[in-house]
Amino acid sequence: MRLLEKTKYIIFCFFCMLFFSNEELKGQDLHYSQFYNAPLTISPGLTGIFNGDERFMVSFRDQGRSIPVPYLTFSLSYDRKIYPKRSRKGFFGIGGFFNYDKQGDSKLRLLNLNLAGSYTRLINTKNLITIGGLIGYANRGFDPINLTWDSQWDQTTNRFIENAPSGESFNFESFNFIESALGLNYRWQKSERTKLDLGVGAFHLITPKAKFYNDVDQDLPIRIALYGIHSRELSEKLDLQVDLLYQMQNSYREIILGGYLNFYLNQQRGKNRQVRAGLGYRFRGKVPFFKLGLRWNDFFISASYDLFDFSRFGADHPGGSGIGPEVHLNYIIKHVKPPRNFKVCPIF
């Protein structure tokens, strides 16, 4: 095995060990089990990193419907490549994405609109380094109308009085902040089907205030996402993908491990048909999930569903805390390029 290939596999194994080294597994920010299908949510360094010129992505997750604290997450994104006219040593990526997240009886919500940009440098035809950043606007808020409080319980009559005053007051029920992030991605790509991405994303770099009381000094902690995504061509009609994500935010941790097999039903131009099937495991909550995907030319749809929740919360609320569907849809546009603009690297 060549030295460069050995180095890549050593790095990939290091990421694997890092992901499994922490036994304290806790949750944090907005997340998807199929994180690689919502790449801008884990690193702006993945802006423009795909086989094509323009990419549209829609993501949706709904969970916890069997308990009174459901979670709903929705993301919409677009990114594209921009090729410099006088250089073939790299390209730019630009894009934007919108996130919406709502949780529980308080309808605790997040509205987030971001602009992202990146630059990718070609080391050679197989190795690329990308650095990216984003800036955005976010709003966090809640609605207390459906919440109940201990002051509404009448101990004399031993009953709950719905219209009784809560005794709680908030300086405000929502706040705005500036989102900021940086990301770095390394890609090794032998062919369109055999590739490796390793990278990191860091969010909330400005550390905005996150509070509903004026007298509380609370900063939104920086979120760090480390990931590895490896695809390998096993045969003419079969690929394997293995994906790993480790996220940390203050004392919270999240680890997701997954993989799938990609079956090529038809590889003719204009008749590209693929079926993907696999499994994953979300260590927070001890939740295994299955995932299925279908590619039809430049359209791709993928869905996953949590199978069980083996945590203590899941035992107390069967079918509750993590159980729910997740769906991703993306569409990639590939422009026909003049011969003088043709690039050897398969990422183009």
Protein backbone atom coordinates (compact mmCIF):
# COMPACT_ATOMS: atom_id res chain seq x y z
CA MET A 1 0.00 0.00 0.00
CA ARG A 2 1.35 3.42 -0.92
CA LEU A 3 2.36 5.88 1.80
CA LEU A 4 -0.45 8.35 0.93
CA GLU A 5 -3.12 5.65 1.12
CA LYS A 6 -1.71 4.43 4.45
CA THR A 7 -1.86 7.98 5.79
CA LYS A 8 -5.51 8.32 4.79
CA TYR A 9 -6.51 5.12 6.52
CA ILE A 10 -4.54 6.04 9.67
CA ILE A 11 -6.43 9.36 9.80
CA PHE A 12 -9.75 7.58 9.29
CA CYS A 13 -8.98 5.09 12.08
CA PHE A 14 -8.03 7.99 14.36
CA PHE A 15 -11.47 9.50 13.80
CA CYS A 16 -13.06 6.13 14.59
CA MET A 17 -11.19 5.92 17.91
CA LEU A 18 -12.07 9.51 18.74
CA PHE A 19 -15.76 8.86 18.19
CA PHE A 20 -15.77 5.90 20.58
CA SER A 21 -13.45 7.28 23.24
CA ASN A 22 -16.06 9.17 25.30
CA GLU A 23 -18.58 7.15 27.28
CA GLU A 24 -20.56 10.19 28.44
CA LEU A 25 -23.00 10.46 25.56
CA LYS A 26 -25.42 13.33 25.76
CA GLY A 27 -27.42 15.31 23.25
CA GLN A 28 -27.23 18.89 22.06
CA ASP A 29 -28.18 21.18 19.14
CA LEU A 30 -30.31 20.48 16.10
CA HIS A 31 -29.19 17.27 14.41
CA TYR A 32 -30.02 14.66 11.77
CA SER A 33 -29.27 10.95 11.86
CA GLN A 34 -28.39 11.15 8.13
CA PHE A 35 -26.11 14.13 8.71
CA TYR A 36 -24.31 13.62 5.37
CA ASN A 37 -27.61 14.45 3.62
CA ALA A 38 -27.68 17.85 5.39
CA PRO A 39 -23.96 18.69 5.12
CA LEU A 40 -24.17 22.45 5.73
CA THR A 41 -25.58 21.81 9.22
CA ILE A 42 -22.31 20.14 10.30
CA SER A 43 -19.68 22.24 8.48
CA PRO A 44 -19.53 25.18 6.04
CA GLY A 45 -16.42 23.43 4.74
CA LEU A 46 -18.79 21.11 2.82
CA THR A 47 -20.22 23.99 0.76
CA GLY A 48 -19.88 23.05 -2.91
CA ILE A 49 -18.39 19.62 -2.17
CA PHE A 50 -20.43 17.31 -4.39
CA ASN A 51 -20.34 15.84 -7.89
CA GLY A 52 -22.17 18.53 -9.84
CA ASP A 53 -22.59 22.28 -10.15
CA GLU A 54 -25.77 23.19 -8.22
CA ARG A 55 -27.44 21.35 -5.35
CA PHE A 56 -30.86 21.74 -3.71
CA MET A 57 -31.56 19.91 -0.44
CA VAL A 58 -34.63 19.54 1.79
CA SER A 59 -34.55 17.74 5.15
CA PHE A 60 -37.30 16.89 7.63
CA ARG A 61 -37.34 15.08 10.97
CA ASP A 62 -40.30 14.36 13.26
CA GLN A 63 -39.92 12.45 16.52
CA GLY A 64 -41.48 11.84 19.91
CA ARG A 65 -45.13 11.93 18.80
CA SER A 66 -46.15 9.30 21.37
CA ILE A 67 -45.20 11.60 24.26
CA PRO A 68 -46.27 15.22 24.88
CA VAL A 69 -42.91 16.73 23.88
CA PRO A 70 -42.58 16.17 20.12
CA TYR A 71 -39.62 17.48 18.13
CA LEU A 72 -39.91 18.78 14.57
CA THR A 73 -36.92 19.84 12.47
CA PHE A 74 -36.88 21.22 8.91
CA SER A 75 -33.97 22.43 6.77
CA LEU A 76 -33.78 23.87 3.27
CA SER A 77 -30.48 24.60 1.51
CA TYR A 78 -28.87 25.49 -1.80
CA ASP A 79 -25.20 25.61 -2.79
CA ARG A 80 -23.18 25.76 -5.98
CA LYS A 81 -19.67 25.95 -7.39
CA ILE A 82 -18.05 29.01 -8.97
CA TYR A 83 -15.06 28.30 -11.22
CA PRO A 84 -12.33 30.96 -11.61
CA LYS A 85 -11.73 31.78 -15.27
CA ARG A 86 -7.95 32.04 -15.00
CA SER A 87 -7.12 29.19 -12.65
CA ARG A 88 -7.65 25.44 -12.57
CA LYS A 89 -6.15 25.01 -9.11
CA GLY A 90 -9.37 25.45 -7.20
CA PHE A 91 -12.94 26.70 -7.09
CA PHE A 92 -15.32 28.60 -4.84
CA GLY A 93 -18.57 27.45 -3.29
CA ILE A 94 -21.47 29.63 -2.18
CA GLY A 95 -24.80 28.74 -0.65
CA GLY A 96 -27.45 29.40 1.91
CA PHE A 97 -29.64 27.37 4.21
CA PHE A 98 -32.63 27.78 6.48
CA ASN A 99 -33.34 25.79 9.66
CA TYR A 100 -36.54 25.52 11.66
CA ASP A 101 -36.79 23.52 14.87
CA LYS A 102 -39.71 23.26 17.34
CA GLN A 103 -39.83 21.28 20.58
CA GLY A 104 -42.32 20.39 23.27
CA ASP A 105 -45.36 22.02 24.87
CA SER A 106 -43.55 25.35 25.11
CA LYS A 107 -43.03 25.26 21.32
CA LEU A 108 -39.42 26.18 21.90
CA ARG A 109 -38.33 27.16 18.42
CA LEU A 110 -35.27 28.02 16.39
CA LEU A 111 -35.41 30.04 13.16
CA ASN A 112 -32.07 30.25 11.42
CA LEU A 113 -31.07 31.75 8.04
CA ASN A 114 -27.43 31.53 6.93
CA LEU A 115 -25.13 32.40 4.03
CA ALA A 116 -22.11 30.15 3.47
CA GLY A 117 -19.00 30.37 1.34
CA SER A 118 -15.93 28.20 0.75
CA TYR A 119 -12.76 27.85 -1.27
CA THR A 120 -11.43 24.48 -2.40
CA ARG A 121 -7.79 24.05 -3.31
CA LEU A 122 -6.74 21.14 -5.53
CA ILE A 123 -3.56 19.60 -4.15
CA ASN A 124 -3.62 17.15 -7.06
CA THR A 125 -6.30 15.23 -8.98
CA LYS A 126 -7.17 13.09 -5.93
CA ASN A 127 -6.69 15.37 -2.92
CA LEU A 128 -8.60 18.56 -2.08
CA ILE A 129 -8.71 20.90 0.92
CA THR A 130 -11.71 23.16 1.54
CA ILE A 131 -12.11 25.98 4.04
CA GLY A 132 -15.52 27.51 4.57
CA GLY A 133 -17.39 29.99 6.71
CA LEU A 134 -20.91 31.21 7.32
CA ILE A 135 -22.75 34.13 8.81
CA GLY A 136 -26.42 34.18 9.65
CA TYR A 137 -29.36 35.44 11.65
CA ALA A 138 -31.19 33.34 14.23
CA ASN A 139 -34.18 33.67 16.52
CA ARG A 140 -34.89 31.52 19.57
CA GLY A 141 -38.24 31.77 21.35
CA PHE A 142 -41.09 29.95 23.07
CA ASP A 143 -44.83 30.25 23.75
CA PRO A 144 -45.80 29.85 27.46
CA ILE A 145 -49.55 29.57 26.79
CA ASN A 146 -49.59 25.75 26.98
CA LEU A 147 -47.28 25.47 29.99
CA THR A 148 -48.47 24.61 33.49
CA TRP A 149 -46.93 25.68 36.81
CA ASP A 150 -47.00 24.49 40.42
CA SER A 151 -48.74 27.71 41.49
CA GLN A 152 -51.81 26.60 39.48
CA TRP A 153 -52.32 23.61 41.75
CA ASP A 154 -54.79 24.33 44.55
CA GLN A 155 -53.70 22.30 47.57
CA THR A 156 -56.94 23.07 49.43
CA THR A 157 -59.22 21.48 46.82
CA ASN A 158 -56.45 19.22 45.53
CA ARG A 159 -57.08 20.13 41.90
CA PHE A 160 -55.48 21.99 39.00
CA ILE A 161 -56.89 25.45 38.19
CA GLU A 162 -56.16 26.21 34.55
CA ASN A 163 -56.92 29.95 34.67
CA ALA A 164 -54.94 30.62 37.85
CA PRO A 165 -51.94 32.95 37.43
CA SER A 166 -48.67 31.15 36.83
CA GLY A 167 -46.61 33.40 39.06
CA GLU A 168 -43.91 33.34 36.40
CA SER A 169 -42.66 36.32 34.39
CA PHE A 170 -40.14 36.62 31.58
CA ASN A 171 -38.35 39.71 30.33
CA PHE A 172 -38.98 38.47 26.79
CA GLU A 173 -40.20 35.33 25.06
CA SER A 174 -37.72 35.40 22.19
CA PHE A 175 -34.28 36.72 21.41
CA ASN A 176 -32.19 37.21 18.27
CA PHE A 177 -28.54 36.47 17.69
CA ILE A 178 -25.90 36.33 14.97
CA GLU A 179 -24.84 32.86 13.85
CA SER A 180 -21.25 32.29 12.79
CA ALA A 181 -19.22 29.23 11.86
CA LEU A 182 -16.01 28.00 10.25
CA GLY A 183 -15.29 24.62 8.70
CA LEU A 184 -12.46 22.61 7.19
CA ASN A 185 -12.84 19.57 4.93
CA TYR A 186 -10.28 17.20 3.41
CA ARG A 187 -11.36 15.02 0.50
CA TRP A 188 -9.53 12.15 -1.10
CA GLN A 189 -11.31 10.99 -4.23
CA LYS A 190 -10.01 8.15 -6.35
CA SER A 191 -13.14 8.09 -8.49
CA GLU A 192 -16.73 9.27 -8.39
CA ARG A 193 -17.63 6.23 -6.26
CA THR A 194 -14.53 5.84 -4.06
CA LYS A 195 -13.86 8.82 -1.81
CA LEU A 196 -13.21 9.94 1.75
CA ASP A 197 -14.23 13.14 3.54
CA LEU A 198 -12.78 14.13 6.91
CA GLY A 199 -13.57 17.45 8.49
CA VAL A 200 -14.64 19.71 11.31
CA GLY A 201 -17.21 22.45 11.77
CA ALA A 202 -17.39 24.99 14.61
CA PHE A 203 -20.64 26.93 15.21
CA HIS A 204 -21.66 29.86 17.48
CA LEU A 205 -18.15 31.31 17.29
CA ILE A 206 -19.37 34.75 18.34
CA THR A 207 -20.87 33.02 21.46
CA PRO A 208 -24.16 34.98 21.45
CA LYS A 209 -26.31 35.53 24.53
CA ALA A 210 -29.00 32.87 25.00
CA LYS A 211 -31.39 33.95 27.74
CA PHE A 212 -35.02 34.93 28.52
CA TYR A 213 -34.16 36.92 31.67
CA ASN A 214 -32.10 40.11 31.69
CA ASP A 215 -30.44 39.17 34.98
CA VAL A 216 -29.14 35.83 33.65
CA ASP A 217 -25.72 35.80 32.01
CA GLN A 218 -25.83 32.82 29.65
CA ASP A 219 -23.80 32.42 26.44
CA LEU A 220 -24.68 29.92 23.72
CA PRO A 221 -21.76 27.42 23.82
CA ILE A 222 -19.67 26.72 20.74
CA ARG A 223 -20.69 23.52 18.96
CA ILE A 224 -17.93 21.40 17.41
CA ALA A 225 -18.74 18.71 14.81
CA LEU A 226 -16.14 16.15 13.70
CA TYR A 227 -17.08 13.77 10.90
CA GLY A 228 -15.83 11.09 8.56
CA ILE A 229 -17.64 9.82 5.45
CA HIS A 230 -16.07 7.02 3.41
CA SER A 231 -17.51 5.49 0.23
CA ARG A 232 -15.89 2.60 -1.59
CA GLU A 233 -16.71 0.82 -4.84
CA LEU A 234 -16.92 -2.90 -4.03
CA SER A 235 -17.96 -4.12 -7.48
CA GLU A 236 -19.47 -2.83 -10.68
CA LYS A 237 -22.95 -2.74 -9.11
CA LEU A 238 -22.25 -2.30 -5.41
CA ASP A 239 -20.79 0.42 -3.15
CA LEU A 240 -20.33 0.66 0.62
CA GLN A 241 -20.55 3.86 2.69
CA VAL A 242 -19.50 4.20 6.34
CA ASP A 243 -20.25 7.48 8.16
CA LEU A 244 -19.34 8.78 11.62
CA LEU A 245 -20.25 11.99 13.45
CA TYR A 246 -19.09 13.28 16.82
CA GLN A 247 -20.57 16.53 18.14
CA MET A 248 -19.81 18.34 21.37
CA GLN A 249 -21.29 21.46 22.89
CA ASN A 250 -20.22 22.38 26.39
CA SER A 251 -20.73 19.18 28.45
CA TYR A 252 -23.03 17.56 25.88
CA ARG A 253 -21.95 14.87 23.45
CA GLU A 254 -23.49 13.11 20.46
CA ILE A 255 -22.16 10.22 18.41
CA ILE A 256 -23.77 8.74 15.29
CA LEU A 257 -22.42 5.70 13.46
CA GLY A 258 -23.95 4.35 10.27
CA GLY A 259 -23.45 2.62 6.97
CA TYR A 260 -25.29 1.41 3.92
CA LEU A 261 -24.92 -0.59 0.73
CA ASN A 262 -25.63 1.14 -2.57
CA PHE A 263 -26.99 -1.11 -5.33
CA TYR A 264 -26.71 0.13 -8.95
CA LEU A 265 -29.73 -1.04 -10.93
CA ASN A 266 -28.88 0.92 -14.08
CA GLN A 267 -25.82 3.04 -14.87
CA GLN A 268 -26.72 4.24 -18.36
CA ARG A 269 -26.67 7.98 -18.91
CA GLY A 270 -30.17 9.35 -18.35
CA LYS A 271 -31.29 6.08 -16.76
CA ASN A 272 -29.30 6.11 -13.51
CA ARG A 273 -31.13 4.03 -10.90
CA GLN A 274 -29.75 3.24 -7.43
CA VAL A 275 -31.19 1.71 -4.27
CA ARG A 276 -29.53 2.17 -0.87
CA ALA A 277 -30.19 0.27 2.34
CA GLY A 278 -28.41 0.42 5.67
CA LEU A 279 -28.42 0.78 9.43
CA GLY A 280 -27.22 3.34 11.94
CA TYR A 281 -26.89 3.83 15.67
CA ARG A 282 -27.34 7.05 17.64
CA PHE A 283 -25.49 6.55 20.92
CA ARG A 284 -27.41 9.30 22.66
CA GLY A 285 -30.58 7.49 23.72
CA LYS A 286 -29.13 4.19 22.45
CA VAL A 287 -31.29 4.38 19.31
CA PRO A 288 -30.71 2.09 16.30
CA PHE A 289 -32.29 3.15 13.01
CA PHE A 290 -32.61 1.84 9.48
CA LYS A 291 -32.33 3.90 6.30
CA LEU A 292 -33.41 3.48 2.70
CA GLY A 293 -32.60 5.61 -0.35
CA LEU A 294 -33.49 5.82 -4.03
CA ARG A 295 -31.67 7.73 -6.76
CA TRP A 296 -33.39 8.47 -10.04
CA ASN A 297 -30.93 10.31 -12.29
CA ASP A 298 -30.21 13.60 -10.47
CA PHE A 299 -33.00 13.21 -7.88
CA PHE A 300 -32.30 11.44 -4.61
CA ILE A 301 -34.64 10.68 -1.72
CA SER A 302 -33.61 9.00 1.50
CA ALA A 303 -35.58 8.09 4.62
CA SER A 304 -34.69 6.68 8.03
CA TYR A 305 -36.71 5.57 11.02
CA ASP A 306 -35.67 4.99 14.61
CA LEU A 307 -36.35 1.38 15.57
CA PHE A 308 -36.08 1.42 19.37
CA ASP A 309 -35.04 3.62 22.26
CA PHE A 310 -33.04 1.65 24.82
CA SER A 311 -32.46 4.58 27.17
CA ARG A 312 -34.15 4.95 30.57
CA PHE A 313 -36.45 7.58 29.08
CA GLY A 314 -37.40 5.20 26.27
CA ALA A 315 -38.21 2.50 28.82
CA ASP A 316 -40.50 4.88 30.70
CA HIS A 317 -42.13 6.12 27.48
CA PRO A 318 -42.19 3.19 24.98
CA GLY A 319 -42.02 4.43 21.42
CA GLY A 320 -41.32 7.93 22.64
CA SER A 321 -38.17 9.94 22.92
CA GLY A 322 -36.34 9.12 19.71
CA ILE A 323 -38.90 7.30 17.60
CA GLY A 324 -39.70 9.14 14.40
CA PRO A 325 -39.15 9.45 10.66
CA GLU A 326 -36.47 11.47 8.89
CA VAL A 327 -36.61 12.30 5.17
CA HIS A 328 -34.10 13.97 2.85
CA LEU A 329 -34.55 15.05 -0.76
CA ASN A 330 -31.87 16.50 -2.98
CA TYR A 331 -31.50 17.47 -6.61
CA ILE A 332 -28.18 18.10 -8.36
CA ILE A 333 -27.72 20.06 -11.58
CA LYS A 334 -24.70 19.31 -13.77
CA HIS A 335 -23.82 21.92 -16.38
CA VAL A 336 -22.26 20.98 -19.71
CA LYS A 337 -18.80 22.54 -19.73
CA PRO A 338 -16.71 23.57 -22.75
CA PRO A 339 -13.67 21.33 -23.35
CA ARG A 340 -11.27 24.05 -22.15
CA ASN A 341 -12.97 24.07 -18.73
CA PHE A 342 -12.91 20.32 -18.25
CA LYS A 343 -11.32 19.20 -15.00
CA VAL A 344 -9.75 15.81 -14.44
CA CYS A 345 -10.78 15.58 -10.78
CA PRO A 346 -14.07 13.61 -10.48
CA ILE A 347 -15.51 16.09 -7.97
CA PHE A 348 -16.12 18.43 -10.91
